[in-house]
Amino acid sequence: MGTIIAAVAIAAVLLWLFGGSRKRAAPAPEDDVTTAIDREELEAAERELAEDAEARDADDEEEDWGPGTR
């Protein structure tokens, strides 16, 4: 009797691990790799940042890594 219970338990665990359909995670915005890069806009932003006298390097010890950080 114990062998039957163990076999059923093992079968249930294997079905749980390998069987059944699982919902896939919804793609995140950063997973969008089909959108082309706007090179002109990127270059303009890089020029603007290079010309900004108040821009800081990203290795600064401050916590703010937002706009205005190189």
PDB file of N, CA and C in Angstrom:
ATOM      1  N   MET A   1       0.828  -1.196   0.000  1.00  0.00           N
ATOM      2  CA  MET A   1       0.000   0.000   0.000  1.00  0.00           C
ATOM      3  C   MET A   1       0.872   1.259   0.000  1.00  0.00           C
ATOM      4  N   GLY A   2       1.943   1.236   0.792  1.00  0.00           N
ATOM      5  CA  GLY A   2       2.840   2.391   0.856  1.00  0.00           C
ATOM      6  C   GLY A   2       3.530   2.648  -0.470  1.00  0.00           C
ATOM      7  N   THR A   3       3.808   1.576  -1.216  1.00  0.00           N
ATOM      8  CA  THR A   3       4.454   1.707  -2.520  1.00  0.00           C
ATOM      9  C   THR A   3       3.525   2.412  -3.503  1.00  0.00           C
ATOM     10  N   ILE A   4       2.257   2.104  -3.456  1.00  0.00           N
ATOM     11  CA  ILE A   4       1.279   2.724  -4.352  1.00  0.00           C
ATOM     12  C   ILE A   4       1.159   4.221  -4.049  1.00  0.00           C
ATOM     13  N   ILE A   5       1.091   4.552  -2.777  1.00  0.00           N
ATOM     14  CA  ILE A   5       0.990   5.966  -2.375  1.00  0.00           C
ATOM     15  C   ILE A   5       2.237   6.729  -2.811  1.00  0.00           C
ATOM     16  N   ALA A   6       3.406   6.126  -2.634  1.00  0.00           N
ATOM     17  CA  ALA A   6       4.658   6.772  -3.034  1.00  0.00           C
ATOM     18  C   ALA A   6       4.699   6.966  -4.549  1.00  0.00           C
ATOM     19  N   ALA A   7       4.259   5.961  -5.307  1.00  0.00           N
ATOM     20  CA  ALA A   7       4.264   6.058  -6.767  1.00  0.00           C
ATOM     21  C   ALA A   7       3.308   7.152  -7.239  1.00  0.00           C
ATOM     22  N   VAL A   8       2.132   7.234  -6.620  1.00  0.00           N
ATOM     23  CA  VAL A   8       1.166   8.271  -6.971  1.00  0.00           C
ATOM     24  C   VAL A   8       1.728   9.645  -6.622  1.00  0.00           C
ATOM     25  N   ALA A   9       2.388   9.778  -5.485  1.00  0.00           N
ATOM     26  CA  ALA A   9       2.970  11.054  -5.073  1.00  0.00           C
ATOM     27  C   ALA A   9       4.076  11.477  -6.039  1.00  0.00           C
ATOM     28  N   ILE A  10       4.919  10.542  -6.427  1.00  0.00           N
ATOM     29  CA  ILE A  10       6.006  10.856  -7.370  1.00  0.00           C
ATOM     30  C   ILE A  10       5.423  11.254  -8.723  1.00  0.00           C
ATOM     31  N   ALA A  11       4.403  10.531  -9.172  1.00  0.00           N
ATOM     32  CA  ALA A  11       3.764  10.864 -10.443  1.00  0.00           C
ATOM     33  C   ALA A  11       3.136  12.254 -10.386  1.00  0.00           C
ATOM     34  N   ALA A  12       2.510  12.592  -9.269  1.00  0.00           N
ATOM     35  CA  ALA A  12       1.882  13.911  -9.120  1.00  0.00           C
ATOM     36  C   ALA A  12       2.938  15.014  -9.158  1.00  0.00           C
ATOM     37  N   VAL A  13       4.058  14.800  -8.494  1.00  0.00           N
ATOM     38  CA  VAL A  13       5.137  15.793  -8.490  1.00  0.00           C
ATOM     39  C   VAL A  13       5.713  15.961  -9.892  1.00  0.00           C
ATOM     40  N   LEU A  14       5.924  14.861 -10.609  1.00  0.00           N
ATOM     41  CA  LEU A  14       6.462  14.940 -11.965  1.00  0.00           C
ATOM     42  C   LEU A  14       5.488  15.655 -12.906  1.00  0.00           C
ATOM     43  N   LEU A  15       4.206  15.380 -12.779  1.00  0.00           N
ATOM     44  CA  LEU A  15       3.213  16.082 -13.595  1.00  0.00           C
ATOM     45  C   LEU A  15       3.182  17.567 -13.269  1.00  0.00           C
ATOM     46  N   TRP A  16       3.314  17.874 -12.011  1.00  0.00           N
ATOM     47  CA  TRP A  16       3.310  19.283 -11.597  1.00  0.00           C
ATOM     48  C   TRP A  16       4.534  20.013 -12.159  1.00  0.00           C
ATOM     49  N   LEU A  17       5.698  19.345 -12.129  1.00  0.00           N
ATOM     50  CA  LEU A  17       6.925  19.975 -12.607  1.00  0.00           C
ATOM     51  C   LEU A  17       6.978  20.097 -14.124  1.00  0.00           C
ATOM     52  N   PHE A  18       6.597  19.053 -14.838  1.00  0.00           N
ATOM     53  CA  PHE A  18       6.800  19.020 -16.282  1.00  0.00           C
ATOM     54  C   PHE A  18       5.533  19.181 -17.111  1.00  0.00           C
ATOM     55  N   GLY A  19       4.408  19.047 -16.530  1.00  0.00           N
ATOM     56  CA  GLY A  19       3.184  19.072 -17.316  1.00  0.00           C
ATOM     57  C   GLY A  19       2.418  20.370 -17.175  1.00  0.00           C
ATOM     58  N   GLY A  20       1.365  20.441 -17.931  1.00  0.00           N
ATOM     59  CA  GLY A  20       0.473  21.584 -17.827  1.00  0.00           C
ATOM     60  C   GLY A  20       1.009  22.818 -18.508  1.00  0.00           C
ATOM     61  N   SER A  21       0.100  23.667 -18.908  1.00  0.00           N
ATOM     62  CA  SER A  21       0.506  24.927 -19.535  1.00  0.00           C
ATOM     63  C   SER A  21       0.688  25.987 -18.463  1.00  0.00           C
ATOM     64  N   ARG A  22       1.699  26.774 -18.658  1.00  0.00           N
ATOM     65  CA  ARG A  22       1.991  27.853 -17.712  1.00  0.00           C
ATOM     66  C   ARG A  22       1.814  29.178 -18.429  1.00  0.00           C
ATOM     67  N   LYS A  23       1.348  30.149 -17.693  1.00  0.00           N
ATOM     68  CA  LYS A  23       1.231  31.484 -18.271  1.00  0.00           C
ATOM     69  C   LYS A  23       2.621  32.093 -18.379  1.00  0.00           C
ATOM     70  N   ARG A  24       2.904  32.653 -19.522  1.00  0.00           N
ATOM     71  CA  ARG A  24       4.191  33.317 -19.705  1.00  0.00           C
ATOM     72  C   ARG A  24       4.084  34.755 -19.218  1.00  0.00           C
ATOM     73  N   ALA A  25       5.184  35.273 -18.748  1.00  0.00           N
ATOM     74  CA  ALA A  25       5.212  36.653 -18.274  1.00  0.00           C
ATOM     75  C   ALA A  25       4.986  37.600 -19.452  1.00  0.00           C
ATOM     76  N   ALA A  26       4.271  38.659 -19.187  1.00  0.00           N
ATOM     77  CA  ALA A  26       4.036  39.665 -20.218  1.00  0.00           C
ATOM     78  C   ALA A  26       5.354  40.364 -20.533  1.00  0.00           C
ATOM     79  N   PRO A  27       5.614  40.654 -21.797  1.00  0.00           N
ATOM     80  CA  PRO A  27       6.876  41.320 -22.136  1.00  0.00           C
ATOM     81  C   PRO A  27       6.941  42.719 -21.525  1.00  0.00           C
ATOM     82  N   ALA A  28       8.098  43.052 -21.028  1.00  0.00           N
ATOM     83  CA  ALA A  28       8.332  44.371 -20.437  1.00  0.00           C
ATOM     84  C   ALA A  28       8.707  45.349 -21.551  1.00  0.00           C
ATOM     85  N   PRO A  29       8.541  46.648 -21.322  1.00  0.00           N
ATOM     86  CA  PRO A  29       8.889  47.629 -22.367  1.00  0.00           C
ATOM     87  C   PRO A  29      10.331  47.514 -22.841  1.00  0.00           C
ATOM     88  N   GLU A  30      11.246  47.150 -21.949  1.00  0.00           N
ATOM     89  CA  GLU A  30      12.640  47.046 -22.372  1.00  0.00           C
ATOM     90  C   GLU A  30      12.894  45.813 -23.229  1.00  0.00           C
ATOM     91  N   ASP A  31      11.898  44.913 -23.335  1.00  0.00           N
ATOM     92  CA  ASP A  31      12.034  43.739 -24.184  1.00  0.00           C
ATOM     93  C   ASP A  31      11.688  44.037 -25.634  1.00  0.00           C
ATOM     94  N   ASP A  32      11.252  45.252 -25.931  1.00  0.00           N
ATOM     95  CA  ASP A  32      10.869  45.627 -27.286  1.00  0.00           C
ATOM     96  C   ASP A  32      12.126  45.859 -28.106  1.00  0.00           C
ATOM     97  N   VAL A  33      12.504  44.878 -28.884  1.00  0.00           N
ATOM     98  CA  VAL A  33      13.717  44.999 -29.681  1.00  0.00           C
ATOM     99  C   VAL A  33      13.393  45.242 -31.152  1.00  0.00           C
ATOM    100  N   THR A  34      12.117  45.444 -31.464  1.00  0.00           N
ATOM    101  CA  THR A  34      11.742  45.660 -32.858  1.00  0.00           C
ATOM    102  C   THR A  34      11.734  47.135 -33.233  1.00  0.00           C
ATOM    103  N   THR A  35      11.729  48.024 -32.251  1.00  0.00           N
ATOM    104  CA  THR A  35      11.704  49.455 -32.538  1.00  0.00           C
ATOM    105  C   THR A  35      13.096  49.907 -32.974  1.00  0.00           C
ATOM    106  N   ALA A  36      13.142  50.566 -34.100  1.00  0.00           N
ATOM    107  CA  ALA A  36      14.430  51.051 -34.614  1.00  0.00           C
ATOM    108  C   ALA A  36      14.932  52.211 -33.758  1.00  0.00           C
ATOM    109  N   ILE A  37      16.254  52.337 -33.663  1.00  0.00           N
ATOM    110  CA  ILE A  37      16.868  53.422 -32.904  1.00  0.00           C
ATOM    111  C   ILE A  37      16.875  54.676 -33.770  1.00  0.00           C
ATOM    112  N   ASP A  38      16.410  55.781 -33.217  1.00  0.00           N
ATOM    113  CA  ASP A  38      16.436  57.058 -33.919  1.00  0.00           C
ATOM    114  C   ASP A  38      17.829  57.657 -33.719  1.00  0.00           C
ATOM    115  N   ARG A  39      18.716  57.390 -34.663  1.00  0.00           N
ATOM    116  CA  ARG A  39      20.122  57.806 -34.543  1.00  0.00           C
ATOM    117  C   ARG A  39      20.265  59.331 -34.466  1.00  0.00           C
ATOM    118  N   GLU A  40      19.472  60.055 -35.214  1.00  0.00           N
ATOM    119  CA  GLU A  40      19.575  61.519 -35.195  1.00  0.00           C
ATOM    120  C   GLU A  40      19.222  62.066 -33.824  1.00  0.00           C
ATOM    121  N   GLU A  41      18.156  61.541 -33.228  1.00  0.00           N
ATOM    122  CA  GLU A  41      17.753  62.003 -31.900  1.00  0.00           C
ATOM    123  C   GLU A  41      18.799  61.626 -30.854  1.00  0.00           C
ATOM    124  N   LEU A  42      19.363  60.428 -30.980  1.00  0.00           N
ATOM    125  CA  LEU A  42      20.398  59.989 -30.040  1.00  0.00           C
ATOM    126  C   LEU A  42      21.642  60.866 -30.145  1.00  0.00           C
ATOM    127  N   GLU A  43      22.074  61.153 -31.371  1.00  0.00           N
ATOM    128  CA  GLU A  43      23.255  62.007 -31.558  1.00  0.00           C
ATOM    129  C   GLU A  43      23.010  63.420 -31.050  1.00  0.00           C
ATOM    130  N   ALA A  44      21.796  63.946 -31.265  1.00  0.00           N
ATOM    131  CA  ALA A  44      21.471  65.286 -30.768  1.00  0.00           C
ATOM    132  C   ALA A  44      21.512  65.320 -29.247  1.00  0.00           C
ATOM    133  N   ALA A  45      21.002  64.274 -28.607  1.00  0.00           N
ATOM    134  CA  ALA A  45      21.022  64.220 -27.145  1.00  0.00           C
ATOM    135  C   ALA A  45      22.453  64.105 -26.623  1.00  0.00           C
ATOM    136  N   GLU A  46      23.296  63.334 -27.314  1.00  0.00           N
ATOM    137  CA  GLU A  46      24.693  63.212 -26.895  1.00  0.00           C
ATOM    138  C   GLU A  46      25.426  64.540 -27.035  1.00  0.00           C
ATOM    139  N   ARG A  47      25.167  65.269 -28.147  1.00  0.00           N
ATOM    140  CA  ARG A  47      25.790  66.588 -28.327  1.00  0.00           C
ATOM    141  C   ARG A  47      25.340  67.552 -27.238  1.00  0.00           C
ATOM    142  N   GLU A  48      24.039  67.533 -26.949  1.00  0.00           N
ATOM    143  CA  GLU A  48      23.494  68.424 -25.926  1.00  0.00           C
ATOM    144  C   GLU A  48      24.125  68.136 -24.563  1.00  0.00           C
ATOM    145  N   LEU A  49      24.293  66.891 -24.249  1.00  0.00           N
ATOM    146  CA  LEU A  49      24.897  66.515 -22.968  1.00  0.00           C
ATOM    147  C   LEU A  49      26.378  66.879 -22.930  1.00  0.00           C
ATOM    148  N   ALA A  50      27.075  66.701 -24.052  1.00  0.00           N
ATOM    149  CA  ALA A  50      28.501  67.046 -24.102  1.00  0.00           C
ATOM    150  C   ALA A  50      28.712  68.544 -23.941  1.00  0.00           C
ATOM    151  N   GLU A  51      27.762  69.354 -24.413  1.00  0.00           N
ATOM    152  CA  GLU A  51      27.874  70.802 -24.319  1.00  0.00           C
ATOM    153  C   GLU A  51      27.408  71.357 -22.986  1.00  0.00           C
ATOM    154  N   ASP A  52      26.743  70.543 -22.178  1.00  0.00           N
ATOM    155  CA  ASP A  52      26.198  70.996 -20.898  1.00  0.00           C
ATOM    156  C   ASP A  52      27.322  71.084 -19.866  1.00  0.00           C
ATOM    157  N   ALA A  53      27.591  72.286 -19.395  1.00  0.00           N
ATOM    158  CA  ALA A  53      28.679  72.495 -18.431  1.00  0.00           C
ATOM    159  C   ALA A  53      28.353  71.916 -17.053  1.00  0.00           C
ATOM    160  N   GLU A  54      27.082  71.764 -16.735  1.00  0.00           N
ATOM    161  CA  GLU A  54      26.696  71.258 -15.414  1.00  0.00           C
ATOM    162  C   GLU A  54      26.496  69.748 -15.387  1.00  0.00           C
ATOM    163  N   ALA A  55      26.709  69.069 -16.505  1.00  0.00           N
ATOM    164  CA  ALA A  55      26.524  67.616 -16.554  1.00  0.00           C
ATOM    165  C   ALA A  55      27.612  66.934 -15.723  1.00  0.00           C
ATOM    166  N   ARG A  56      27.214  65.869 -15.052  1.00  0.00           N
ATOM    167  CA  ARG A  56      28.152  65.111 -14.207  1.00  0.00           C
ATOM    168  C   ARG A  56      28.396  63.740 -14.825  1.00  0.00           C
ATOM    169  N   ASP A  57      29.539  63.150 -14.532  1.00  0.00           N
ATOM    170  CA  ASP A  57      29.821  61.792 -14.977  1.00  0.00           C
ATOM    171  C   ASP A  57      28.976  60.802 -14.177  1.00  0.00           C
ATOM    172  N   ALA A  58      28.693  59.656 -14.755  1.00  0.00           N
ATOM    173  CA  ALA A  58      27.884  58.639 -14.078  1.00  0.00           C
ATOM    174  C   ALA A  58      28.628  58.042 -12.890  1.00  0.00           C
ATOM    175  N   ASP A  59      29.975  58.151 -12.865  1.00  0.00           N
ATOM    176  CA  ASP A  59      30.713  57.567 -11.740  1.00  0.00           C
ATOM    177  C   ASP A  59      30.736  58.468 -10.516  1.00  0.00           C
ATOM    178  N   ASP A  60      30.109  59.635 -10.600  1.00  0.00           N
ATOM    179  CA  ASP A  60      30.030  60.480  -9.404  1.00  0.00           C
ATOM    180  C   ASP A  60      29.377  59.699  -8.276  1.00  0.00           C
ATOM    181  N   GLU A  61      29.755  60.011  -7.074  1.00  0.00           N
ATOM    182  CA  GLU A  61      29.256  59.286  -5.908  1.00  0.00           C
ATOM    183  C   GLU A  61      27.832  59.671  -5.534  1.00  0.00           C
ATOM    184  N   GLU A  62      27.257  60.639  -6.212  1.00  0.00           N
ATOM    185  CA  GLU A  62      25.894  61.045  -5.899  1.00  0.00           C
ATOM    186  C   GLU A  62      24.914  60.001  -6.409  1.00  0.00           C
ATOM    187  N   GLU A  63      23.721  59.993  -5.823  1.00  0.00           N
ATOM    188  CA  GLU A  63      22.745  58.959  -6.144  1.00  0.00           C
ATOM    189  C   GLU A  63      21.949  59.245  -7.418  1.00  0.00           C
ATOM    190  N   ASP A  64      21.870  60.480  -7.856  1.00  0.00           N
ATOM    191  CA  ASP A  64      21.026  60.829  -8.993  1.00  0.00           C
ATOM    192  C   ASP A  64      21.706  60.455 -10.306  1.00  0.00           C
ATOM    193  N   TRP A  65      21.093  59.519 -11.032  1.00  0.00           N
ATOM    194  CA  TRP A  65      21.638  59.107 -12.330  1.00  0.00           C
ATOM    195  C   TRP A  65      20.662  59.502 -13.427  1.00  0.00           C
ATOM    196  N   GLY A  66      19.852  60.493 -13.193  1.00  0.00           N
ATOM    197  CA  GLY A  66      18.824  60.877 -14.154  1.00  0.00           C
ATOM    198  C   GLY A  66      19.367  61.760 -15.255  1.00  0.00           C
ATOM    199  N   PRO A  67      18.490  62.547 -15.877  1.00  0.00           N
ATOM    200  CA  PRO A  67      18.912  63.425 -16.964  1.00  0.00           C
ATOM    201  C   PRO A  67      20.018  64.374 -16.499  1.00  0.00           C
ATOM    202  N   GLY A  68      20.940  64.648 -17.378  1.00  0.00           N
ATOM    203  CA  GLY A  68      22.076  65.509 -17.046  1.00  0.00           C
ATOM    204  C   GLY A  68      23.266  64.725 -16.560  1.00  0.00           C
ATOM    205  N   THR A  69      23.186  63.417 -16.627  1.00  0.00           N
ATOM    206  CA  THR A  69      24.322  62.574 -16.230  1.00  0.00           C
ATOM    207  C   THR A  69      24.961  62.008 -17.480  1.00  0.00           C
ATOM    208  N   ARG A  70      26.261  62.092 -17.547  1.00  0.00           N
ATOM    209  CA  ARG A  70      26.975  61.564 -18.731  1.00  0.00           C
ATOM    210  C   ARG A  70      27.176  60.092 -18.595  1.00  0.00           C
TER     211      ARG A  70
END
